[in-house]
Amino acid sequence: MFTSVIRYGYVPFMLLGVNGAAVHLAGRGFSEFWLVGLIVVGVGCSFAAERIVPYRREWNQGIDDARRDTVHAFVNEAFILASVAVIPLLAAVTPFHHWWPGSLPFVVQVLIAVLVADFGITTIHLASHKIGWLWRLHAVHHSIRRFYGLNGLMKHPLHQAVEMLGGVLPLIVMGVPVQVASALAVCVAVQLLLQHANVDYRVGPLRSILALNEGHRFHHLKWAGVGDVNFGLFTLLWDHLYRTYSFDPQRRFTTDDLGMAAKPHYPTGYFRQLAEPFTASGACDFRAAGAVDTTHGQAR
């Protein structure tokens, strides 16, 4: 009974409970410290759910990566929250700030921000699998060998900056209020937790609309080209538009399915991962390297 509550209630709690609290607090002008607290609550709930209803129990055990992923998460989340502080300055100098629909209810403004950011981040993510220099930065994220909540922010900070710029720049041009941006920052953190969570949760037909872990596991298949699907952060709407949506309800994933087949010995240390895109070996386009998906029988 308890496991069923977690299996079916975890996603609504995170999306409606944690995000809803963020919208409420941001809309009433509460300090960002409250929003940081909500992110901490989200991380704690994610870790708890992973131990109660894990998709794969062994993914709850570190592979010499827990400390590194914690550093990645702290640095990148701090960058996101710090970026919110400069949004009023940037929005003030744009000549289009009157475009923002500030007369709408606050929750509707946040939903608009989510959809706009989702399009920008999804498009940058797709480009990161097609453009060499972007892929070299993005490859850090694809070096993961287990799927759990914290590695949603296991990204090279330069790639994180490019992705967030793609998502937030249109909002800044439109004059997004800082309160909306603050709520959006929490929504991004919660979504990354949900998307990578080692939780065997259920969302039914919403799995083809929302960018959650069932679909995102396919994005992390290690064979070059096979994982070029399901790029969305919040939704899969843009993947349907770009024809990059893929899902097989019969597919199960193991550690052997994750990572990069063409680069199995990608550096695991934090500082080595920061340097890798700028080394000779990191200059290779790993996605274009030949590899075979023996499960699907496809040469890539």
C-alpha atoms as a PDB file:
ATOM      1  CA  MET A   1       0.000   0.000   0.000  1.00  0.00           C
ATOM      2  CA  PHE A   2       2.706   2.487   1.020  1.00  0.00           C
ATOM      3  CA  THR A   3       4.815   1.711  -2.069  1.00  0.00           C
ATOM      4  CA  SER A   4       1.747   2.280  -4.264  1.00  0.00           C
ATOM      5  CA  VAL A   5       1.243   5.705  -2.684  1.00  0.00           C
ATOM      6  CA  ILE A   6       4.831   6.616  -3.566  1.00  0.00           C
ATOM      7  CA  ARG A   7       4.630   5.049  -7.028  1.00  0.00           C
ATOM      8  CA  TYR A   8       1.534   7.020  -8.009  1.00  0.00           C
ATOM      9  CA  GLY A   9       1.866  10.033  -5.729  1.00  0.00           C
ATOM     10  CA  TYR A  10       5.525  10.992  -6.095  1.00  0.00           C
ATOM     11  CA  VAL A  11       5.172  12.871  -9.400  1.00  0.00           C
ATOM     12  CA  PRO A  12       1.988  14.793  -8.412  1.00  0.00           C
ATOM     13  CA  PHE A  13       3.621  15.723  -5.096  1.00  0.00           C
ATOM     14  CA  MET A  14       6.722  17.088  -6.838  1.00  0.00           C
ATOM     15  CA  LEU A  15       4.918  18.834  -9.706  1.00  0.00           C
ATOM     16  CA  LEU A  16       1.937  20.185  -7.781  1.00  0.00           C
ATOM     17  CA  GLY A  17       3.239  20.225  -4.218  1.00  0.00           C
ATOM     18  CA  VAL A  18       6.834  21.456  -4.447  1.00  0.00           C
ATOM     19  CA  ASN A  19       6.334  23.517  -7.616  1.00  0.00           C
ATOM     20  CA  GLY A  20       3.010  24.806  -6.283  1.00  0.00           C
ATOM     21  CA  ALA A  21       4.689  25.952  -3.082  1.00  0.00           C
ATOM     22  CA  ALA A  22       7.369  27.697  -5.151  1.00  0.00           C
ATOM     23  CA  VAL A  23       4.725  29.534  -7.185  1.00  0.00           C
ATOM     24  CA  HIS A  24       2.910  30.561  -3.997  1.00  0.00           C
ATOM     25  CA  LEU A  25       6.042  31.807  -2.235  1.00  0.00           C
ATOM     26  CA  ALA A  26       7.500  33.564  -5.285  1.00  0.00           C
ATOM     27  CA  GLY A  27       4.168  35.175  -6.099  1.00  0.00           C
ATOM     28  CA  ARG A  28       4.030  36.641  -2.593  1.00  0.00           C
ATOM     29  CA  GLY A  29       7.577  37.971  -2.823  1.00  0.00           C
ATOM     30  CA  PHE A  30       9.217  35.626  -0.319  1.00  0.00           C
ATOM     31  CA  SER A  31      13.022  35.491  -0.137  1.00  0.00           C
ATOM     32  CA  GLU A  32      14.959  33.155  -2.424  1.00  0.00           C
ATOM     33  CA  PHE A  33      16.126  31.344   0.700  1.00  0.00           C
ATOM     34  CA  TRP A  34      12.655  29.818   0.928  1.00  0.00           C
ATOM     35  CA  LEU A  35      13.003  28.627  -2.662  1.00  0.00           C
ATOM     36  CA  VAL A  36      16.379  27.070  -1.888  1.00  0.00           C
ATOM     37  CA  GLY A  37      14.668  25.273   0.981  1.00  0.00           C
ATOM     38  CA  LEU A  38      12.072  23.882  -1.418  1.00  0.00           C
ATOM     39  CA  ILE A  39      14.829  22.536  -3.665  1.00  0.00           C
ATOM     40  CA  VAL A  40      16.410  20.822  -0.653  1.00  0.00           C
ATOM     41  CA  VAL A  41      13.006  19.295   0.180  1.00  0.00           C
ATOM     42  CA  GLY A  42      12.701  18.101  -3.422  1.00  0.00           C
ATOM     43  CA  VAL A  43      16.140  16.450  -3.324  1.00  0.00           C
ATOM     44  CA  GLY A  44      15.305  14.748  -0.017  1.00  0.00           C
ATOM     45  CA  CYS A  45      11.981  13.432  -1.335  1.00  0.00           C
ATOM     46  CA  SER A  46      13.683  12.196  -4.492  1.00  0.00           C
ATOM     47  CA  PHE A  47      16.316  10.278  -2.528  1.00  0.00           C
ATOM     48  CA  ALA A  48      13.643   8.780  -0.249  1.00  0.00           C
ATOM     49  CA  ALA A  49      11.458   7.660  -3.160  1.00  0.00           C
ATOM     50  CA  GLU A  50      14.478   6.114  -4.889  1.00  0.00           C
ATOM     51  CA  ARG A  51      14.981   3.855  -1.887  1.00  0.00           C
ATOM     52  CA  ILE A  52      11.323   2.940  -1.443  1.00  0.00           C
ATOM     53  CA  VAL A  53      10.416   2.142  -5.069  1.00  0.00           C
ATOM     54  CA  PRO A  54      13.683   2.030  -7.066  1.00  0.00           C
ATOM     55  CA  TYR A  55      13.655   1.304 -10.779  1.00  0.00           C
ATOM     56  CA  ARG A  56      16.962  -0.519 -10.280  1.00  0.00           C
ATOM     57  CA  ARG A  57      18.134  -1.049  -6.718  1.00  0.00           C
ATOM     58  CA  GLU A  58      21.816  -1.094  -7.726  1.00  0.00           C
ATOM     59  CA  TRP A  59      21.507   2.463  -9.070  1.00  0.00           C
ATOM     60  CA  ASN A  60      21.170   3.628  -5.464  1.00  0.00           C
ATOM     61  CA  GLN A  61      24.782   2.598  -4.938  1.00  0.00           C
ATOM     62  CA  GLY A  62      27.533   5.000  -5.986  1.00  0.00           C
ATOM     63  CA  ILE A  63      29.960   4.149  -8.797  1.00  0.00           C
ATOM     64  CA  ASP A  64      32.670   6.494  -7.551  1.00  0.00           C
ATOM     65  CA  ASP A  65      30.388   9.340  -8.613  1.00  0.00           C
ATOM     66  CA  ALA A  66      28.328  10.556  -5.642  1.00  0.00           C
ATOM     67  CA  ARG A  67      30.768  13.254  -4.494  1.00  0.00           C
ATOM     68  CA  ARG A  68      31.395  14.436  -8.057  1.00  0.00           C
ATOM     69  CA  ASP A  69      27.684  14.631  -8.823  1.00  0.00           C
ATOM     70  CA  THR A  70      27.100  16.579  -5.608  1.00  0.00           C
ATOM     71  CA  VAL A  71      29.689  19.153  -6.680  1.00  0.00           C
ATOM     72  CA  HIS A  72      28.164  19.392 -10.174  1.00  0.00           C
ATOM     73  CA  ALA A  73      24.687  19.841  -8.682  1.00  0.00           C
ATOM     74  CA  PHE A  74      25.793  22.479  -6.165  1.00  0.00           C
ATOM     75  CA  VAL A  75      27.767  24.517  -8.713  1.00  0.00           C
ATOM     76  CA  ASN A  76      25.105  24.394 -11.419  1.00  0.00           C
ATOM     77  CA  GLU A  77      22.145  25.040  -9.107  1.00  0.00           C
ATOM     78  CA  ALA A  78      24.009  27.957  -7.513  1.00  0.00           C
ATOM     79  CA  PHE A  79      24.598  29.324 -11.016  1.00  0.00           C
ATOM     80  CA  ILE A  80      20.881  29.072 -11.833  1.00  0.00           C
ATOM     81  CA  LEU A  81      19.831  30.836  -8.636  1.00  0.00           C
ATOM     82  CA  ALA A  82      22.504  33.518  -9.009  1.00  0.00           C
ATOM     83  CA  SER A  83      21.348  34.164 -12.569  1.00  0.00           C
ATOM     84  CA  VAL A  84      17.885  35.027 -11.266  1.00  0.00           C
ATOM     85  CA  ALA A  85      19.377  37.984  -9.380  1.00  0.00           C
ATOM     86  CA  VAL A  86      20.533  39.717 -12.574  1.00  0.00           C
ATOM     87  CA  ILE A  87      17.279  39.254 -14.485  1.00  0.00           C
ATOM     88  CA  PRO A  88      15.762  42.596 -13.325  1.00  0.00           C
ATOM     89  CA  LEU A  89      18.847  44.444 -14.600  1.00  0.00           C
ATOM     90  CA  LEU A  90      18.699  42.717 -17.981  1.00  0.00           C
ATOM     91  CA  ALA A  91      14.938  43.029 -18.307  1.00  0.00           C
ATOM     92  CA  ALA A  92      15.157  46.747 -17.534  1.00  0.00           C
ATOM     93  CA  VAL A  93      17.284  47.469 -20.606  1.00  0.00           C
ATOM     94  CA  THR A  94      15.232  45.496 -23.109  1.00  0.00           C
ATOM     95  CA  PRO A  95      12.910  47.655 -25.205  1.00  0.00           C
ATOM     96  CA  PHE A  96      10.304  44.892 -25.259  1.00  0.00           C
ATOM     97  CA  HIS A  97       9.642  44.532 -21.518  1.00  0.00           C
ATOM     98  CA  HIS A  98       6.022  45.565 -22.055  1.00  0.00           C
ATOM     99  CA  TRP A  99       5.464  42.292 -23.920  1.00  0.00           C
ATOM    100  CA  TRP A 100       5.315  40.311 -20.709  1.00  0.00           C
ATOM    101  CA  PRO A 101       1.650  39.486 -19.832  1.00  0.00           C
ATOM    102  CA  GLY A 102       1.919  40.784 -16.275  1.00  0.00           C
ATOM    103  CA  SER A 103      -1.844  41.218 -15.939  1.00  0.00           C
ATOM    104  CA  LEU A 104      -2.414  37.453 -16.022  1.00  0.00           C
ATOM    105  CA  PRO A 105      -2.620  35.412 -12.802  1.00  0.00           C
ATOM    106  CA  PHE A 106       0.828  34.635 -11.422  1.00  0.00           C
ATOM    107  CA  VAL A 107       0.476  30.878 -11.902  1.00  0.00           C
ATOM    108  CA  VAL A 108      -0.373  31.425 -15.593  1.00  0.00           C
ATOM    109  CA  GLN A 109       2.721  33.614 -15.981  1.00  0.00           C
ATOM    110  CA  VAL A 110       4.858  30.804 -14.545  1.00  0.00           C
ATOM    111  CA  LEU A 111       3.287  28.279 -16.940  1.00  0.00           C
ATOM    112  CA  ILE A 112       4.070  30.603 -19.867  1.00  0.00           C
ATOM    113  CA  ALA A 113       7.667  30.875 -18.649  1.00  0.00           C
ATOM    114  CA  VAL A 114       7.888  27.073 -18.395  1.00  0.00           C
ATOM    115  CA  LEU A 115       6.661  26.574 -21.978  1.00  0.00           C
ATOM    116  CA  VAL A 116       8.946  29.262 -23.424  1.00  0.00           C
ATOM    117  CA  ALA A 117      11.965  27.940 -21.519  1.00  0.00           C
ATOM    118  CA  ASP A 118      11.076  24.383 -22.506  1.00  0.00           C
ATOM    119  CA  PHE A 119      11.228  25.284 -26.192  1.00  0.00           C
ATOM    120  CA  GLY A 120      14.571  27.078 -25.893  1.00  0.00           C
ATOM    121  CA  ILE A 121      16.257  24.434 -23.735  1.00  0.00           C
ATOM    122  CA  THR A 122      14.910  21.569 -25.863  1.00  0.00           C
ATOM    123  CA  THR A 123      16.226  23.225 -29.028  1.00  0.00           C
ATOM    124  CA  ILE A 124      19.681  23.861 -27.522  1.00  0.00           C
ATOM    125  CA  HIS A 125      19.719  20.274 -26.240  1.00  0.00           C
ATOM    126  CA  LEU A 126      18.942  18.959 -29.728  1.00  0.00           C
ATOM    127  CA  ALA A 127      21.656  21.183 -31.213  1.00  0.00           C
ATOM    128  CA  SER A 128      24.089  19.817 -28.626  1.00  0.00           C
ATOM    129  CA  HIS A 129      23.801  16.396 -30.264  1.00  0.00           C
ATOM    130  CA  LYS A 130      24.427  17.829 -33.738  1.00  0.00           C
ATOM    131  CA  ILE A 131      27.109  20.517 -33.322  1.00  0.00           C
ATOM    132  CA  GLY A 132      30.599  19.356 -32.407  1.00  0.00           C
ATOM    133  CA  TRP A 133      31.657  21.986 -29.859  1.00  0.00           C
ATOM    134  CA  LEU A 134      28.319  21.819 -28.065  1.00  0.00           C
ATOM    135  CA  TRP A 135      28.477  18.025 -27.950  1.00  0.00           C
ATOM    136  CA  ARG A 136      31.947  18.138 -26.394  1.00  0.00           C
ATOM    137  CA  LEU A 137      30.493  20.141 -23.505  1.00  0.00           C
ATOM    138  CA  HIS A 138      27.296  18.098 -23.332  1.00  0.00           C
ATOM    139  CA  ALA A 139      29.180  14.774 -23.335  1.00  0.00           C
ATOM    140  CA  VAL A 140      29.942  15.291 -19.646  1.00  0.00           C
ATOM    141  CA  HIS A 141      26.267  14.662 -18.887  1.00  0.00           C
ATOM    142  CA  HIS A 142      26.157  11.569 -21.083  1.00  0.00           C
ATOM    143  CA  SER A 143      29.031   9.940 -19.238  1.00  0.00           C
ATOM    144  CA  ILE A 144      26.683   8.871 -16.408  1.00  0.00           C
ATOM    145  CA  ARG A 145      26.609   5.146 -15.631  1.00  0.00           C
ATOM    146  CA  ARG A 146      23.537   5.090 -13.395  1.00  0.00           C
ATOM    147  CA  PHE A 147      20.248   6.938 -13.517  1.00  0.00           C
ATOM    148  CA  TYR A 148      19.314   8.785 -10.319  1.00  0.00           C
ATOM    149  CA  GLY A 149      17.976  12.196  -9.361  1.00  0.00           C
ATOM    150  CA  LEU A 150      21.182  14.042  -8.596  1.00  0.00           C
ATOM    151  CA  ASN A 151      22.781  13.478 -11.990  1.00  0.00           C
ATOM    152  CA  GLY A 152      20.193  15.703 -13.629  1.00  0.00           C
ATOM    153  CA  LEU A 153      22.580  18.561 -12.819  1.00  0.00           C
ATOM    154  CA  MET A 154      25.709  16.567 -13.649  1.00  0.00           C
ATOM    155  CA  LYS A 155      26.620  18.943 -16.472  1.00  0.00           C
ATOM    156  CA  HIS A 156      29.570  20.971 -17.632  1.00  0.00           C
ATOM    157  CA  PRO A 157      28.873  24.487 -16.295  1.00  0.00           C
ATOM    158  CA  LEU A 158      29.531  26.021 -19.721  1.00  0.00           C
ATOM    159  CA  HIS A 159      26.905  23.787 -21.284  1.00  0.00           C
ATOM    160  CA  GLN A 160      24.556  24.555 -18.429  1.00  0.00           C
ATOM    161  CA  ALA A 161      25.058  28.257 -19.179  1.00  0.00           C
ATOM    162  CA  VAL A 162      24.357  27.811 -22.901  1.00  0.00           C
ATOM    163  CA  GLU A 163      21.223  25.753 -22.227  1.00  0.00           C
ATOM    164  CA  MET A 164      19.852  28.188 -19.693  1.00  0.00           C
ATOM    165  CA  LEU A 165      20.625  31.126 -21.979  1.00  0.00           C
ATOM    166  CA  GLY A 166      18.594  29.452 -24.716  1.00  0.00           C
ATOM    167  CA  GLY A 167      15.700  29.002 -22.328  1.00  0.00           C
ATOM    168  CA  VAL A 168      15.794  32.283 -20.439  1.00  0.00           C
ATOM    169  CA  LEU A 169      16.911  34.839 -23.050  1.00  0.00           C
ATOM    170  CA  PRO A 170      13.478  35.009 -24.749  1.00  0.00           C
ATOM    171  CA  LEU A 171      11.925  35.547 -21.318  1.00  0.00           C
ATOM    172  CA  ILE A 172      14.364  38.338 -20.485  1.00  0.00           C
ATOM    173  CA  VAL A 173      13.632  40.035 -23.814  1.00  0.00           C
ATOM    174  CA  MET A 174       9.928  39.872 -22.940  1.00  0.00           C
ATOM    175  CA  GLY A 175      10.633  41.440 -19.531  1.00  0.00           C
ATOM    176  CA  VAL A 176       9.924  38.474 -17.264  1.00  0.00           C
ATOM    177  CA  PRO A 177       9.522  39.553 -13.604  1.00  0.00           C
ATOM    178  CA  VAL A 178      12.132  38.240 -11.186  1.00  0.00           C
ATOM    179  CA  GLN A 179       9.416  36.504  -9.129  1.00  0.00           C
ATOM    180  CA  VAL A 180       8.394  34.433 -12.163  1.00  0.00           C
ATOM    181  CA  ALA A 181      12.044  33.627 -12.882  1.00  0.00           C
ATOM    182  CA  SER A 182      12.522  32.502  -9.265  1.00  0.00           C
ATOM    183  CA  ALA A 183       9.593  30.097  -9.480  1.00  0.00           C
ATOM    184  CA  LEU A 184      10.913  28.856 -12.827  1.00  0.00           C
ATOM    185  CA  ALA A 185      14.312  28.109 -11.241  1.00  0.00           C
ATOM    186  CA  VAL A 186      12.650  25.793  -8.717  1.00  0.00           C
ATOM    187  CA  CYS A 187      10.584  24.159 -11.467  1.00  0.00           C
ATOM    188  CA  VAL A 188      13.788  23.440 -13.435  1.00  0.00           C
ATOM    189  CA  ALA A 189      15.441  21.837 -10.397  1.00  0.00           C
ATOM    190  CA  VAL A 190      12.378  19.706  -9.644  1.00  0.00           C
ATOM    191  CA  GLN A 191      12.080  18.641 -13.275  1.00  0.00           C
ATOM    192  CA  LEU A 192      15.708  17.515 -13.441  1.00  0.00           C
ATOM    193  CA  LEU A 193      15.142  15.427 -10.307  1.00  0.00           C
ATOM    194  CA  LEU A 194      12.018  13.821 -11.780  1.00  0.00           C
ATOM    195  CA  GLN A 195      13.600  13.277 -15.176  1.00  0.00           C
ATOM    196  CA  HIS A 196      16.577  11.332 -13.824  1.00  0.00           C
ATOM    197  CA  ALA A 197      15.045   9.785 -10.714  1.00  0.00           C
ATOM    198  CA  ASN A 198      15.717   6.113 -10.008  1.00  0.00           C
ATOM    199  CA  VAL A 199      12.040   5.790  -9.074  1.00  0.00           C
ATOM    200  CA  ASP A 200       9.668   3.280 -10.616  1.00  0.00           C
ATOM    201  CA  TYR A 201       6.765   5.718 -10.652  1.00  0.00           C
ATOM    202  CA  ARG A 202       3.651   5.669 -12.845  1.00  0.00           C
ATOM    203  CA  VAL A 203       2.109   8.533 -14.832  1.00  0.00           C
ATOM    204  CA  GLY A 204       0.073   6.562 -17.400  1.00  0.00           C
ATOM    205  CA  PRO A 205      -0.502   8.256 -20.782  1.00  0.00           C
ATOM    206  CA  LEU A 206       1.177  11.452 -19.526  1.00  0.00           C
ATOM    207  CA  ARG A 207       4.523   9.747 -20.230  1.00  0.00           C
ATOM    208  CA  SER A 208       4.126  10.747 -23.895  1.00  0.00           C
ATOM    209  CA  ILE A 209       3.554  14.400 -22.948  1.00  0.00           C
ATOM    210  CA  LEU A 210       5.698  15.108 -19.881  1.00  0.00           C
ATOM    211  CA  ALA A 211       9.484  14.740 -20.053  1.00  0.00           C
ATOM    212  CA  LEU A 212       9.874  12.276 -17.185  1.00  0.00           C
ATOM    213  CA  ASN A 213      12.240   9.402 -16.470  1.00  0.00           C
ATOM    214  CA  GLU A 214      10.424   6.715 -18.495  1.00  0.00           C
ATOM    215  CA  GLY A 215      11.114   8.591 -21.710  1.00  0.00           C
ATOM    216  CA  HIS A 216      14.397  10.208 -20.719  1.00  0.00           C
ATOM    217  CA  ARG A 217      16.124   6.863 -20.160  1.00  0.00           C
ATOM    218  CA  PHE A 218      15.985   6.371 -23.926  1.00  0.00           C
ATOM    219  CA  HIS A 219      17.910   9.614 -24.324  1.00  0.00           C
ATOM    220  CA  HIS A 220      20.785   8.131 -22.314  1.00  0.00           C
ATOM    221  CA  LEU A 221      21.228   4.950 -24.359  1.00  0.00           C
ATOM    222  CA  LYS A 222      24.962   4.797 -24.964  1.00  0.00           C
ATOM    223  CA  TRP A 223      25.042   3.893 -28.640  1.00  0.00           C
ATOM    224  CA  ALA A 224      25.748   6.804 -30.961  1.00  0.00           C
ATOM    225  CA  GLY A 225      22.568   8.059 -32.574  1.00  0.00           C
ATOM    226  CA  VAL A 226      20.236   5.754 -30.628  1.00  0.00           C
ATOM    227  CA  GLY A 227      19.965   8.233 -27.774  1.00  0.00           C
ATOM    228  CA  ASP A 228      19.204  11.186 -30.057  1.00  0.00           C
ATOM    229  CA  VAL A 229      15.590  11.221 -28.857  1.00  0.00           C
ATOM    230  CA  ASN A 230      13.418  12.795 -26.152  1.00  0.00           C
ATOM    231  CA  PHE A 231      15.297  16.073 -25.704  1.00  0.00           C
ATOM    232  CA  GLY A 232      12.569  17.942 -23.802  1.00  0.00           C
ATOM    233  CA  LEU A 233      13.105  19.285 -20.303  1.00  0.00           C
ATOM    234  CA  PHE A 234       9.525  19.895 -19.153  1.00  0.00           C
ATOM    235  CA  THR A 235       7.481  18.377 -21.968  1.00  0.00           C
ATOM    236  CA  LEU A 236       7.857  16.171 -25.015  1.00  0.00           C
ATOM    237  CA  LEU A 237       5.721  18.485 -27.149  1.00  0.00           C
ATOM    238  CA  TRP A 238       8.708  19.833 -29.051  1.00  0.00           C
ATOM    239  CA  ASP A 239      10.072  16.296 -29.543  1.00  0.00           C
ATOM    240  CA  HIS A 240       6.814  15.369 -31.260  1.00  0.00           C
ATOM    241  CA  LEU A 241       7.241  18.475 -33.436  1.00  0.00           C
ATOM    242  CA  TYR A 242      10.922  17.718 -34.185  1.00  0.00           C
ATOM    243  CA  ARG A 243      10.101  14.010 -34.734  1.00  0.00           C
ATOM    244  CA  THR A 244      12.582  13.007 -32.033  1.00  0.00           C
ATOM    245  CA  TYR A 245      10.092  11.318 -29.716  1.00  0.00           C
ATOM    246  CA  SER A 246      10.673   7.626 -29.019  1.00  0.00           C
ATOM    247  CA  PHE A 247       9.282   5.164 -26.501  1.00  0.00           C
ATOM    248  CA  ASP A 248       9.117   1.386 -26.116  1.00  0.00           C
ATOM    249  CA  PRO A 249       7.074   0.246 -23.086  1.00  0.00           C
ATOM    250  CA  GLN A 250       8.786  -3.174 -23.149  1.00  0.00           C
ATOM    251  CA  ARG A 251      12.319  -1.807 -22.867  1.00  0.00           C
ATOM    252  CA  ARG A 252      14.167  -2.237 -19.557  1.00  0.00           C
ATOM    253  CA  PHE A 253      17.447  -0.506 -18.783  1.00  0.00           C
ATOM    254  CA  THR A 254      20.606  -1.578 -16.983  1.00  0.00           C
ATOM    255  CA  THR A 255      23.926   0.076 -16.245  1.00  0.00           C
ATOM    256  CA  ASP A 256      25.339  -1.522 -19.410  1.00  0.00           C
ATOM    257  CA  ASP A 257      22.921   0.572 -21.499  1.00  0.00           C
ATOM    258  CA  LEU A 258      24.146   3.930 -20.187  1.00  0.00           C
ATOM    259  CA  GLY A 259      27.175   6.077 -20.934  1.00  0.00           C
ATOM    260  CA  MET A 260      28.939   6.483 -24.293  1.00  0.00           C
ATOM    261  CA  ALA A 261      29.916   3.325 -26.178  1.00  0.00           C
ATOM    262  CA  ALA A 262      32.509   5.234 -28.200  1.00  0.00           C
ATOM    263  CA  LYS A 263      34.077   6.711 -25.048  1.00  0.00           C
ATOM    264  CA  PRO A 264      33.738   4.096 -22.278  1.00  0.00           C
ATOM    265  CA  HIS A 265      36.601   5.540 -20.210  1.00  0.00           C
ATOM    266  CA  TYR A 266      35.384   9.112 -20.011  1.00  0.00           C
ATOM    267  CA  PRO A 267      37.012  10.883 -17.020  1.00  0.00           C
ATOM    268  CA  THR A 268      35.065  10.531 -13.784  1.00  0.00           C
ATOM    269  CA  GLY A 269      36.664  13.258 -11.623  1.00  0.00           C
ATOM    270  CA  TYR A 270      35.003  16.679 -11.447  1.00  0.00           C
ATOM    271  CA  PHE A 271      37.947  18.805 -12.590  1.00  0.00           C
ATOM    272  CA  ARG A 272      38.967  16.274 -15.240  1.00  0.00           C
ATOM    273  CA  GLN A 273      35.435  16.458 -16.640  1.00  0.00           C
ATOM    274  CA  LEU A 274      35.664  20.232 -16.780  1.00  0.00           C
ATOM    275  CA  ALA A 275      38.894  19.972 -18.769  1.00  0.00           C
ATOM    276  CA  GLU A 276      37.980  17.049 -21.029  1.00  0.00           C
ATOM    277  CA  PRO A 277      36.091  19.042 -23.736  1.00  0.00           C
ATOM    278  CA  PHE A 278      39.261  21.059 -24.347  1.00  0.00           C
ATOM    279  CA  THR A 279      41.656  18.110 -24.651  1.00  0.00           C
ATOM    280  CA  ALA A 280      42.639  16.232 -27.817  1.00  0.00           C
ATOM    281  CA  SER A 281      40.511  13.227 -26.854  1.00  0.00           C
ATOM    282  CA  GLY A 282      37.614  15.472 -25.913  1.00  0.00           C
ATOM    283  CA  ALA A 283      37.719  17.102 -29.343  1.00  0.00           C
ATOM    284  CA  CYS A 284      36.373  13.903 -30.925  1.00  0.00           C
ATOM    285  CA  ASP A 285      32.721  13.855 -31.899  1.00  0.00           C
ATOM    286  CA  PHE A 286      31.774  10.880 -29.787  1.00  0.00           C
ATOM    287  CA  ARG A 287      28.240  10.596 -31.177  1.00  0.00           C
ATOM    288  CA  ALA A 288      29.575  10.109 -34.686  1.00  0.00           C
ATOM    289  CA  ALA A 289      31.975   7.321 -33.705  1.00  0.00           C
ATOM    290  CA  GLY A 290      31.004   3.841 -34.833  1.00  0.00           C
ATOM    291  CA  ALA A 291      29.289   1.638 -32.294  1.00  0.00           C
ATOM    292  CA  VAL A 292      26.734  -1.136 -32.407  1.00  0.00           C
ATOM    293  CA  ASP A 293      23.583  -1.379 -30.376  1.00  0.00           C
ATOM    294  CA  THR A 294      23.453  -5.126 -29.957  1.00  0.00           C
ATOM    295  CA  THR A 295      20.076  -4.894 -28.253  1.00  0.00           C
ATOM    296  CA  HIS A 296      18.435  -3.246 -31.249  1.00  0.00           C
ATOM    297  CA  GLY A 297      20.768  -4.749 -33.826  1.00  0.00           C
ATOM    298  CA  GLN A 298      21.507  -1.329 -35.312  1.00  0.00           C
ATOM    299  CA  ALA A 299      24.892  -0.163 -36.547  1.00  0.00           C
ATOM    300  CA  ARG A 300      25.646   3.435 -35.617  1.00  0.00           C
END
